[in-house]
Amino acid sequence: MDDSTLLSLPLSLSLPRHHLAHAVLLGEDLVGWRTALVAAAMAAVLLELTTAAVRRALRRLPGALLTVLVRPQLPGAAWIRLKPGWEGELARRLAPGPDRRRRLLGAVRFVLALASGGAGRQALALGLAPRRDRPRR
């Protein structure tokens, strides 16, 4: 019997600490695995922050469109009177529930309907004059 095979087993199980950095698992050493784990954790945090920022911006989009597209069409008194009802409708359409994308598209469609003449017609129906200070071409 060869004594070299009996001695190699205890030596391979009790490696000194400086040899652990050279241990290889799936083709990577300890430094490579540690770097990959830190990079994966940073990528997960960055993805979560980006997703939260995009969701917040998309939730604010219909309200911003309401202000930018509809506000210039109405005089101040009509805007002050109609804005709370429209914001309530947007809040109802954007309320939490299933199918988030459809709710957002429904809210944007509502604002675009107001911007394409619905706001002026609603103001006329309530006896509020729409803004006519712009010359027509």
C-alpha atoms as a PDB file:
ATOM      1  CA  MET A   1       0.000   0.000   0.000  1.00  0.00           C
ATOM      2  CA  ASP A   2       1.208   3.464  -0.871  1.00  0.00           C
ATOM      3  CA  ASP A   3       1.492   5.878   2.102  1.00  0.00           C
ATOM      4  CA  SER A   4       1.120   8.974  -0.090  1.00  0.00           C
ATOM      5  CA  THR A   5      -2.628   8.352  -0.630  1.00  0.00           C
ATOM      6  CA  LEU A   6      -3.306   8.144   3.109  1.00  0.00           C
ATOM      7  CA  LEU A   7      -1.550  11.421   3.820  1.00  0.00           C
ATOM      8  CA  SER A   8      -3.167  13.424   1.010  1.00  0.00           C
ATOM      9  CA  LEU A   9      -6.707  13.165   2.441  1.00  0.00           C
ATOM     10  CA  PRO A  10      -6.053  14.867   5.812  1.00  0.00           C
ATOM     11  CA  LEU A  11      -3.921  17.500   4.118  1.00  0.00           C
ATOM     12  CA  SER A  12      -6.659  18.400   1.630  1.00  0.00           C
ATOM     13  CA  LEU A  13      -9.321  18.710   4.355  1.00  0.00           C
ATOM     14  CA  SER A  14      -7.279  20.978   6.580  1.00  0.00           C
ATOM     15  CA  LEU A  15      -6.110  23.683   4.229  1.00  0.00           C
ATOM     16  CA  PRO A  16      -4.510  26.739   5.799  1.00  0.00           C
ATOM     17  CA  ARG A  17      -6.525  29.976   5.711  1.00  0.00           C
ATOM     18  CA  HIS A  18      -4.519  31.539   2.860  1.00  0.00           C
ATOM     19  CA  HIS A  19      -5.469  28.603   0.612  1.00  0.00           C
ATOM     20  CA  LEU A  20      -9.214  29.279   0.976  1.00  0.00           C
ATOM     21  CA  ALA A  21      -8.959  32.211  -1.440  1.00  0.00           C
ATOM     22  CA  HIS A  22      -7.761  29.747  -4.064  1.00  0.00           C
ATOM     23  CA  ALA A  23     -10.633  27.282  -3.541  1.00  0.00           C
ATOM     24  CA  VAL A  24     -12.730  27.075  -6.704  1.00  0.00           C
ATOM     25  CA  LEU A  25     -16.483  26.483  -6.905  1.00  0.00           C
ATOM     26  CA  LEU A  26     -18.118  26.352 -10.358  1.00  0.00           C
ATOM     27  CA  GLY A  27     -15.064  27.944 -11.889  1.00  0.00           C
ATOM     28  CA  GLU A  28     -14.884  30.950  -9.527  1.00  0.00           C
ATOM     29  CA  ASP A  29     -12.802  31.549  -6.436  1.00  0.00           C
ATOM     30  CA  LEU A  30     -13.987  33.155  -3.182  1.00  0.00           C
ATOM     31  CA  VAL A  31     -13.184  36.682  -4.373  1.00  0.00           C
ATOM     32  CA  GLY A  32     -15.214  36.185  -7.548  1.00  0.00           C
ATOM     33  CA  TRP A  33     -18.235  34.875  -5.618  1.00  0.00           C
ATOM     34  CA  ARG A  34     -18.060  37.726  -3.116  1.00  0.00           C
ATOM     35  CA  THR A  35     -17.859  40.297  -5.928  1.00  0.00           C
ATOM     36  CA  ALA A  36     -20.806  38.690  -7.736  1.00  0.00           C
ATOM     37  CA  LEU A  37     -22.945  38.703  -4.574  1.00  0.00           C
ATOM     38  CA  VAL A  38     -22.210  42.378  -3.862  1.00  0.00           C
ATOM     39  CA  ALA A  39     -22.961  43.305  -7.476  1.00  0.00           C
ATOM     40  CA  ALA A  40     -26.237  41.331  -7.397  1.00  0.00           C
ATOM     41  CA  ALA A  41     -27.339  43.038  -4.171  1.00  0.00           C
ATOM     42  CA  MET A  42     -26.541  46.476  -5.608  1.00  0.00           C
ATOM     43  CA  ALA A  43     -28.415  45.662  -8.825  1.00  0.00           C
ATOM     44  CA  ALA A  44     -31.482  44.523  -6.845  1.00  0.00           C
ATOM     45  CA  VAL A  45     -31.539  47.746  -4.814  1.00  0.00           C
ATOM     46  CA  LEU A  46     -31.066  49.886  -7.938  1.00  0.00           C
ATOM     47  CA  LEU A  47     -33.875  48.023  -9.725  1.00  0.00           C
ATOM     48  CA  GLU A  48     -36.245  48.527  -6.781  1.00  0.00           C
ATOM     49  CA  LEU A  49     -35.469  52.261  -6.560  1.00  0.00           C
ATOM     50  CA  THR A  50     -35.918  52.728 -10.306  1.00  0.00           C
ATOM     51  CA  THR A  51     -39.205  50.807 -10.308  1.00  0.00           C
ATOM     52  CA  ALA A  52     -40.555  52.904  -7.433  1.00  0.00           C
ATOM     53  CA  ALA A  53     -39.588  56.147  -9.179  1.00  0.00           C
ATOM     54  CA  VAL A  54     -41.230  55.085 -12.450  1.00  0.00           C
ATOM     55  CA  ARG A  55     -44.428  54.026 -10.669  1.00  0.00           C
ATOM     56  CA  ARG A  56     -44.590  57.332  -8.805  1.00  0.00           C
ATOM     57  CA  ALA A  57     -44.117  59.282 -12.040  1.00  0.00           C
ATOM     58  CA  LEU A  58     -46.789  57.259 -13.836  1.00  0.00           C
ATOM     59  CA  ARG A  59     -49.251  57.824 -10.976  1.00  0.00           C
ATOM     60  CA  ARG A  60     -48.718  61.586 -11.303  1.00  0.00           C
ATOM     61  CA  LEU A  61     -48.987  61.640 -15.105  1.00  0.00           C
ATOM     62  CA  PRO A  62     -52.815  61.978 -15.418  1.00  0.00           C
ATOM     63  CA  GLY A  63     -52.923  64.859 -12.906  1.00  0.00           C
ATOM     64  CA  ALA A  64     -50.096  66.640 -14.694  1.00  0.00           C
ATOM     65  CA  LEU A  65     -51.801  66.157 -18.044  1.00  0.00           C
ATOM     66  CA  LEU A  66     -55.024  67.532 -16.571  1.00  0.00           C
ATOM     67  CA  THR A  67     -53.241  70.686 -15.473  1.00  0.00           C
ATOM     68  CA  VAL A  68     -51.209  71.133 -18.655  1.00  0.00           C
ATOM     69  CA  LEU A  69     -53.841  70.254 -21.267  1.00  0.00           C
ATOM     70  CA  VAL A  70     -57.178  71.239 -19.711  1.00  0.00           C
ATOM     71  CA  ARG A  71     -56.347  74.245 -17.516  1.00  0.00           C
ATOM     72  CA  PRO A  72     -55.555  76.605 -20.436  1.00  0.00           C
ATOM     73  CA  GLN A  73     -58.971  75.898 -21.996  1.00  0.00           C
ATOM     74  CA  LEU A  74     -61.015  77.241 -19.071  1.00  0.00           C
ATOM     75  CA  PRO A  75     -61.322  80.561 -17.254  1.00  0.00           C
ATOM     76  CA  GLY A  76     -60.237  80.628 -13.613  1.00  0.00           C
ATOM     77  CA  ALA A  77     -63.745  80.309 -12.114  1.00  0.00           C
ATOM     78  CA  ALA A  78     -64.618  77.292 -14.261  1.00  0.00           C
ATOM     79  CA  TRP A  79     -61.292  75.613 -13.493  1.00  0.00           C
ATOM     80  CA  ILE A  80     -61.708  76.122  -9.744  1.00  0.00           C
ATOM     81  CA  ARG A  81     -65.226  74.724  -9.848  1.00  0.00           C
ATOM     82  CA  LEU A  82     -64.569  71.711 -12.101  1.00  0.00           C
ATOM     83  CA  LYS A  83     -61.080  70.661 -11.013  1.00  0.00           C
ATOM     84  CA  PRO A  84     -62.080  68.899  -7.725  1.00  0.00           C
ATOM     85  CA  GLY A  85     -64.592  66.694  -9.538  1.00  0.00           C
ATOM     86  CA  TRP A  86     -62.081  65.749 -12.204  1.00  0.00           C
ATOM     87  CA  GLU A  87     -59.383  65.022  -9.633  1.00  0.00           C
ATOM     88  CA  GLY A  88     -61.878  62.843  -7.761  1.00  0.00           C
ATOM     89  CA  GLU A  89     -62.619  60.944 -10.953  1.00  0.00           C
ATOM     90  CA  LEU A  90     -58.895  60.469 -11.560  1.00  0.00           C
ATOM     91  CA  ALA A  91     -58.427  59.230  -7.997  1.00  0.00           C
ATOM     92  CA  ARG A  92     -61.284  56.772  -8.474  1.00  0.00           C
ATOM     93  CA  ARG A  93     -59.830  55.524 -11.744  1.00  0.00           C
ATOM     94  CA  LEU A  94     -56.336  55.162 -10.254  1.00  0.00           C
ATOM     95  CA  ALA A  95     -57.496  53.486  -7.010  1.00  0.00           C
ATOM     96  CA  PRO A  96     -55.569  50.326  -6.072  1.00  0.00           C
ATOM     97  CA  GLY A  97     -56.856  47.127  -7.555  1.00  0.00           C
ATOM     98  CA  PRO A  98     -56.097  44.596 -10.264  1.00  0.00           C
ATOM     99  CA  ASP A  99     -54.802  45.457 -13.711  1.00  0.00           C
ATOM    100  CA  ARG A 100     -52.772  48.583 -12.960  1.00  0.00           C
ATOM    101  CA  ARG A 101     -51.976  49.289 -16.633  1.00  0.00           C
ATOM    102  CA  ARG A 102     -55.612  49.478 -17.692  1.00  0.00           C
ATOM    103  CA  ARG A 103     -56.415  51.867 -14.857  1.00  0.00           C
ATOM    104  CA  LEU A 104     -53.595  54.188 -15.909  1.00  0.00           C
ATOM    105  CA  LEU A 105     -54.680  54.083 -19.552  1.00  0.00           C
ATOM    106  CA  GLY A 106     -58.286  54.753 -18.522  1.00  0.00           C
ATOM    107  CA  ALA A 107     -57.229  57.786 -16.491  1.00  0.00           C
ATOM    108  CA  VAL A 108     -55.124  59.160 -19.361  1.00  0.00           C
ATOM    109  CA  ARG A 109     -57.997  58.536 -21.789  1.00  0.00           C
ATOM    110  CA  PHE A 110     -60.318  60.483 -19.436  1.00  0.00           C
ATOM    111  CA  VAL A 111     -57.927  63.456 -19.389  1.00  0.00           C
ATOM    112  CA  LEU A 112     -57.493  63.363 -23.166  1.00  0.00           C
ATOM    113  CA  ALA A 113     -61.288  63.377 -23.596  1.00  0.00           C
ATOM    114  CA  LEU A 114     -61.451  66.494 -21.416  1.00  0.00           C
ATOM    115  CA  ALA A 115     -58.584  68.082 -23.336  1.00  0.00           C
ATOM    116  CA  SER A 116     -60.212  67.443 -26.712  1.00  0.00           C
ATOM    117  CA  GLY A 117     -63.284  69.499 -25.926  1.00  0.00           C
ATOM    118  CA  GLY A 118     -65.000  67.703 -23.062  1.00  0.00           C
ATOM    119  CA  ALA A 119     -63.944  70.330 -20.530  1.00  0.00           C
ATOM    120  CA  GLY A 120     -65.420  73.170 -22.571  1.00  0.00           C
ATOM    121  CA  ARG A 121     -68.673  71.283 -23.115  1.00  0.00           C
ATOM    122  CA  GLN A 122     -68.937  70.516 -19.409  1.00  0.00           C
ATOM    123  CA  ALA A 123     -68.287  74.157 -18.543  1.00  0.00           C
ATOM    124  CA  LEU A 124     -70.999  75.245 -20.991  1.00  0.00           C
ATOM    125  CA  ALA A 125     -73.442  72.721 -19.522  1.00  0.00           C
ATOM    126  CA  LEU A 126     -72.878  74.212 -16.063  1.00  0.00           C
ATOM    127  CA  GLY A 127     -73.287  77.767 -17.353  1.00  0.00           C
ATOM    128  CA  LEU A 128     -69.580  78.605 -17.158  1.00  0.00           C
ATOM    129  CA  ALA A 129     -68.138  80.214 -20.255  1.00  0.00           C
ATOM    130  CA  PRO A 130     -65.133  78.467 -21.814  1.00  0.00           C
ATOM    131  CA  ARG A 131     -62.047  80.560 -22.472  1.00  0.00           C
ATOM    132  CA  ARG A 132     -62.255  82.470 -25.740  1.00  0.00           C
ATOM    133  CA  ASP A 133     -59.312  84.844 -25.337  1.00  0.00           C
ATOM    134  CA  ARG A 134     -57.267  83.138 -28.077  1.00  0.00           C
ATOM    135  CA  PRO A 135     -57.871  84.210 -31.677  1.00  0.00           C
ATOM    136  CA  ARG A 136     -58.981  81.375 -33.922  1.00  0.00           C
ATOM    137  CA  ARG A 137     -57.031  80.652 -37.071  1.00  0.00           C
END
